[in-house]
C-alpha atoms as a PDB file:
ATOM      1  CA  MET A   1     -25.987  -1.273   4.084  1.00  0.00           C
ATOM      2  CA  PRO A   2     -22.311  -1.759   3.034  1.00  0.00           C
ATOM      3  CA  ASN A   3     -19.533  -0.324   5.239  1.00  0.00           C
ATOM      4  CA  GLU A   4     -18.710   3.196   4.382  1.00  0.00           C
ATOM      5  CA  PHE A   5     -14.966   4.526   5.111  1.00  0.00           C
ATOM      6  CA  ASN A   6     -13.600   7.939   5.322  1.00  0.00           C
ATOM      7  CA  ALA A   7     -10.453   9.256   4.139  1.00  0.00           C
ATOM      8  CA  ASN A   8      -8.686   8.705   7.548  1.00  0.00           C
ATOM      9  CA  ASP A   9      -9.701   5.030   7.401  1.00  0.00           C
ATOM     10  CA  ILE A  10      -8.176   4.734   3.978  1.00  0.00           C
ATOM     11  CA  PHE A  11      -4.961   6.337   5.079  1.00  0.00           C
ATOM     12  CA  GLU A  12      -4.716   3.833   7.910  1.00  0.00           C
ATOM     13  CA  MET A  13      -4.917   0.963   5.462  1.00  0.00           C
ATOM     14  CA  ALA A  14      -2.442   2.645   3.146  1.00  0.00           C
ATOM     15  CA  ILE A  15      -0.005   3.235   5.773  1.00  0.00           C
ATOM     16  CA  LYS A  16      -0.385  -0.625   7.000  1.00  0.00           C
ATOM     17  CA  ILE A  17       0.195  -1.666   3.119  1.00  0.00           C
ATOM     18  CA  GLU A  18       3.236   0.539   2.839  1.00  0.00           C
ATOM     19  CA  GLN A  19       4.659  -1.143   6.086  1.00  0.00           C
ATOM     20  CA  ASN A  20       3.892  -4.409   4.478  1.00  0.00           C
ATOM     21  CA  GLY A  21       5.633  -3.600   1.521  1.00  0.00           C
ATOM     22  CA  ALA A  22       8.723  -2.266   3.075  1.00  0.00           C
ATOM     23  CA  LYS A  23       8.894  -5.666   4.990  1.00  0.00           C
ATOM     24  CA  PHE A  24       8.420  -7.598   1.733  1.00  0.00           C
ATOM     25  CA  TYR A  25      11.372  -5.584   0.117  1.00  0.00           C
ATOM     26  CA  ARG A  26      13.616  -6.046   3.144  1.00  0.00           C
ATOM     27  CA  ASN A  27      12.932  -9.644   3.306  1.00  0.00           C
ATOM     28  CA  ALA A  28      13.268 -10.227  -0.330  1.00  0.00           C
ATOM     29  CA  ALA A  29      16.728  -8.366  -0.473  1.00  0.00           C
ATOM     30  CA  GLU A  30      17.912 -10.881   2.315  1.00  0.00           C
ATOM     31  CA  LYS A  31      17.282 -13.773  -0.341  1.00  0.00           C
ATOM     32  CA  ILE A  32      19.532 -12.246  -2.953  1.00  0.00           C
ATOM     33  CA  ASP A  33      23.177 -12.477  -3.088  1.00  0.00           C
ATOM     34  CA  GLU A  34      23.996 -10.025  -5.943  1.00  0.00           C
ATOM     35  CA  LYS A  35      24.907  -6.505  -4.376  1.00  0.00           C
ATOM     36  CA  GLU A  36      23.179  -4.330  -6.843  1.00  0.00           C
ATOM     37  CA  ASN A  37      20.096  -6.201  -6.662  1.00  0.00           C
ATOM     38  CA  LYS A  38      20.054  -6.348  -3.066  1.00  0.00           C
ATOM     39  CA  GLN A  39      20.570  -2.646  -3.015  1.00  0.00           C
ATOM     40  CA  PHE A  40      17.541  -1.872  -5.345  1.00  0.00           C
ATOM     41  CA  LEU A  41      15.321  -3.973  -3.144  1.00  0.00           C
ATOM     42  CA  LEU A  42      16.671  -2.325  -0.049  1.00  0.00           C
ATOM     43  CA  GLU A  43      15.997   1.312  -2.017  1.00  0.00           C
ATOM     44  CA  LEU A  44      12.509   0.296  -2.622  1.00  0.00           C
ATOM     45  CA  ALA A  45      12.049  -0.676   1.119  1.00  0.00           C
ATOM     46  CA  ILE A  46      13.171   2.886   1.865  1.00  0.00           C
ATOM     47  CA  MET A  47      10.783   4.391  -0.739  1.00  0.00           C
ATOM     48  CA  GLU A  48       7.947   2.393   1.042  1.00  0.00           C
ATOM     49  CA  ASP A  49       9.169   4.052   4.251  1.00  0.00           C
ATOM     50  CA  GLY A  50       8.937   7.221   2.382  1.00  0.00           C
ATOM     51  CA  HIS A  51       5.443   6.765   1.137  1.00  0.00           C
ATOM     52  CA  GLU A  52       4.412   5.643   4.635  1.00  0.00           C
ATOM     53  CA  ALA A  53       5.763   8.973   6.047  1.00  0.00           C
ATOM     54  CA  THR A  54       3.803  10.810   3.091  1.00  0.00           C
ATOM     55  CA  PHE A  55       0.460   9.166   4.103  1.00  0.00           C
ATOM     56  CA  VAL A  56       0.849  10.043   7.534  1.00  0.00           C
ATOM     57  CA  SER A  57       1.735  13.573   6.826  1.00  0.00           C
ATOM     58  CA  MET A  58      -1.290  13.702   4.267  1.00  0.00           C
ATOM     59  CA  GLN A  59      -3.482  11.998   7.082  1.00  0.00           C
ATOM     60  CA  LYS A  60      -2.695  14.641   9.516  1.00  0.00           C
ATOM     61  CA  GLU A  61      -3.842  17.249   7.152  1.00  0.00           C
ATOM     62  CA  LEU A  62      -7.343  15.772   6.677  1.00  0.00           C
ATOM     63  CA  LYS A  63     -10.384  18.181   7.614  1.00  0.00           C
ATOM     64  CA  ASP A  64     -12.596  17.099  10.584  1.00  0.00           C
ATOM     65  CA  GLU A  65     -15.271  15.971   7.949  1.00  0.00           C
ATOM     66  CA  GLU A  66     -12.675  13.467   6.472  1.00  0.00           C
ATOM     67  CA  THR A  67     -11.985  11.820   9.704  1.00  0.00           C
ATOM     68  CA  GLU A  68     -15.614  11.416  11.011  1.00  0.00           C
ATOM     69  CA  PRO A  69     -16.837   8.198  11.242  1.00  0.00           C
ATOM     70  CA  THR A  70     -19.617   7.309   8.677  1.00  0.00           C
ATOM     71  CA  PHE A  71     -21.610   5.011  10.894  1.00  0.00           C
ATOM     72  CA  PHE A  72     -21.579   4.111  14.614  1.00  0.00           C
ATOM     73  CA  ASP A  73     -18.933   1.637  15.618  1.00  0.00           C
ATOM     74  CA  PRO A  74     -18.280   1.504  19.193  1.00  0.00           C
ATOM     75  CA  GLU A  75     -16.188  -1.753  18.894  1.00  0.00           C
ATOM     76  CA  ASN A  76     -13.992  -0.211  15.997  1.00  0.00           C
ATOM     77  CA  GLU A  77     -14.809  -3.147  14.039  1.00  0.00           C
ATOM     78  CA  ASN A  78     -14.276  -0.962  10.775  1.00  0.00           C
ATOM     79  CA  ALA A  79     -10.754  -0.424  11.456  1.00  0.00           C
ATOM     80  CA  LEU A  80      -9.947  -4.078  12.288  1.00  0.00           C
ATOM     81  CA  TYR A  81     -11.640  -4.963   9.015  1.00  0.00           C
ATOM     82  CA  LEU A  82      -9.400  -2.619   7.230  1.00  0.00           C
ATOM     83  CA  LYS A  83      -6.282  -3.647   8.649  1.00  0.00           C
ATOM     84  CA  ALA A  84      -7.175  -7.307   7.815  1.00  0.00           C
ATOM     85  CA  LEU A  85      -8.073  -6.351   4.354  1.00  0.00           C
ATOM     86  CA  ALA A  86      -4.609  -4.524   4.105  1.00  0.00           C
ATOM     87  CA  ASP A  87      -2.920  -7.448   5.662  1.00  0.00           C
ATOM     88  CA  ALA A  88      -4.428 -10.090   3.393  1.00  0.00           C
ATOM     89  CA  ARG A  89      -4.608  -8.409   0.097  1.00  0.00           C
ATOM     90  CA  VAL A  90      -1.333  -6.553  -0.836  1.00  0.00           C
ATOM     91  CA  PHE A  91       2.094  -7.953  -0.080  1.00  0.00           C
ATOM     92  CA  ALA A  92       0.829 -11.223   1.718  1.00  0.00           C
ATOM     93  CA  LYS A  93       2.790 -14.080   2.806  1.00  0.00           C
ATOM     94  CA  LYS A  94       1.142 -16.260   0.298  1.00  0.00           C
ATOM     95  CA  GLU A  95       2.567 -14.203  -2.593  1.00  0.00           C
ATOM     96  CA  GLU A  96       6.236 -14.859  -1.256  1.00  0.00           C
ATOM     97  CA  PRO A  97       8.357 -14.883  -4.561  1.00  0.00           C
ATOM     98  CA  ALA A  98      10.989 -17.390  -5.231  1.00  0.00           C
ATOM     99  CA  ASN A  99      14.762 -16.435  -4.288  1.00  0.00           C
ATOM    100  CA  ASP A 100      15.617 -15.084  -7.734  1.00  0.00           C
ATOM    101  CA  PHE A 101      15.553 -11.410  -8.481  1.00  0.00           C
ATOM    102  CA  LYS A 102      13.081 -11.584 -11.521  1.00  0.00           C
ATOM    103  CA  SER A 103      10.415 -13.620  -9.330  1.00  0.00           C
ATOM    104  CA  ILE A 104      10.819 -11.142  -6.526  1.00  0.00           C
ATOM    105  CA  LEU A 105      10.287  -8.263  -9.147  1.00  0.00           C
ATOM    106  CA  TYR A 106       7.242 -10.136 -10.702  1.00  0.00           C
ATOM    107  CA  SER A 107       5.682 -10.460  -7.230  1.00  0.00           C
ATOM    108  CA  ALA A 108       6.565  -6.893  -6.383  1.00  0.00           C
ATOM    109  CA  ILE A 109       4.672  -5.635  -9.574  1.00  0.00           C
ATOM    110  CA  GLN A 110       1.560  -7.723  -8.920  1.00  0.00           C
ATOM    111  CA  ALA A 111       1.377  -6.585  -5.424  1.00  0.00           C
ATOM    112  CA  GLU A 112       1.648  -2.941  -6.618  1.00  0.00           C
ATOM    113  CA  LYS A 113      -1.007  -3.528  -9.055  1.00  0.00           C
ATOM    114  CA  ASP A 114      -3.106  -5.304  -6.504  1.00  0.00           C
ATOM    115  CA  SER A 115      -2.810  -2.132  -4.278  1.00  0.00           C
ATOM    116  CA  ILE A 116      -4.195   0.097  -6.963  1.00  0.00           C
ATOM    117  CA  VAL A 117      -6.853  -2.080  -7.842  1.00  0.00           C
ATOM    118  CA  PHE A 118      -7.665  -2.285  -4.014  1.00  0.00           C
ATOM    119  CA  TYR A 119      -7.657   1.576  -3.789  1.00  0.00           C
ATOM    120  CA  LEU A 120      -9.818   2.084  -6.707  1.00  0.00           C
ATOM    121  CA  GLY A 121     -12.306  -0.270  -5.277  1.00  0.00           C
ATOM    122  CA  MET A 122     -12.167   1.582  -1.978  1.00  0.00           C
ATOM    123  CA  LYS A 123     -12.783   4.864  -3.920  1.00  0.00           C
ATOM    124  CA  GLN A 124     -16.345   3.569  -4.343  1.00  0.00           C
ATOM    125  CA  LEU A 125     -16.830   3.248  -0.538  1.00  0.00           C
ATOM    126  CA  VAL A 126     -15.591   6.770   0.464  1.00  0.00           C
ATOM    127  CA  PRO A 127     -18.241   9.492   0.112  1.00  0.00           C
ATOM    128  CA  ALA A 128     -16.892  12.849  -1.635  1.00  0.00           C
ATOM    129  CA  GLU A 129     -17.300  14.769   1.547  1.00  0.00           C
ATOM    130  CA  SER A 130     -15.096  12.159   3.491  1.00  0.00           C
ATOM    131  CA  GLY A 131     -11.998  12.727   1.316  1.00  0.00           C
ATOM    132  CA  LYS A 132     -12.717  10.509  -1.625  1.00  0.00           C
ATOM    133  CA  SER A 133     -10.272  12.677  -3.782  1.00  0.00           C
ATOM    134  CA  LYS A 134      -7.283  12.003  -1.429  1.00  0.00           C
ATOM    135  CA  LEU A 135      -7.117   8.337  -2.742  1.00  0.00           C
ATOM    136  CA  ASP A 136      -6.023   9.517  -6.111  1.00  0.00           C
ATOM    137  CA  ASP A 137      -2.743  10.639  -4.298  1.00  0.00           C
ATOM    138  CA  ILE A 138      -2.300   7.253  -2.972  1.00  0.00           C
ATOM    139  CA  ILE A 139      -2.882   5.780  -6.222  1.00  0.00           C
ATOM    140  CA  LYS A 140      -0.369   7.923  -8.117  1.00  0.00           C
ATOM    141  CA  GLU A 141       2.237   6.980  -5.500  1.00  0.00           C
ATOM    142  CA  GLU A 142       1.711   3.316  -6.172  1.00  0.00           C
ATOM    143  CA  MET A 143       1.833   3.505 -10.108  1.00  0.00           C
ATOM    144  CA  SER A 144       5.364   5.168  -9.780  1.00  0.00           C
ATOM    145  CA  HIS A 145       6.462   2.017  -7.984  1.00  0.00           C
ATOM    146  CA  ILE A 146       5.124  -0.168 -11.139  1.00  0.00           C
ATOM    147  CA  ARG A 147       7.061   2.072 -13.323  1.00  0.00           C
ATOM    148  CA  LEU A 148      10.352   1.630 -11.475  1.00  0.00           C
ATOM    149  CA  LEU A 149       9.839  -2.043 -11.151  1.00  0.00           C
ATOM    150  CA  THR A 150       8.765  -2.731 -14.636  1.00  0.00           C
ATOM    151  CA  LYS A 151      12.034  -0.769 -15.919  1.00  0.00           C
ATOM    152  CA  LYS A 152      14.287  -2.776 -13.530  1.00  0.00           C
ATOM    153  CA  MET A 153      12.748  -5.960 -14.863  1.00  0.00           C
ATOM    154  CA  MET A 154      13.123  -4.921 -18.550  1.00  0.00           C
ATOM    155  CA  GLN A 155      16.891  -4.238 -17.562  1.00  0.00           C
ATOM    156  CA  SER A 156      17.437  -7.737 -15.878  1.00  0.00           C
END
C-alpha cells in the first residue's frame, strides 16, 4: 500500500519548498550585477517568504481530520520522506542556473513548473477527507509565480 498523506503533511512540504525558493532567489540575486534584475529576484524571494507565511496560516486553519495521520508512523518516517522529496525535487542545487539573468529566470520557471507537477501528483495521495482541496490553493500560488517570471523573461 502506498503512503497516503494528509493536508498537514503537504503543507509541511509546501513550506519547505517555499523556503528553498526564497533561498534560490536570494542566492541568484547575489550573482547578478544589474540593480533592477537583482531587485526583481529579491522581490521574488520576499514573495516566497509571503507564500510560506500563507501556507503556515492555511496549515493552522486545518480541521482535525486534515491533520490526523493516515497510517501508523511512530518513527515519523512520512515527514522525513516528504522533506527529502521537497529538498530534492524543487529548487534543488542540481538546478542551479548560470550567472546570467535569463538562465536564472529559465531555471526558476522550470522549478515552479516542477512544484506544480509535484503538487498535482500529491493530490492523488491525499484523501478528500484529509484536505485534498487545499492543494488547489497551493497550486494557484505557484502558477502566479510562473506568470510573473514568464512576463519578466519576455521583457528581458
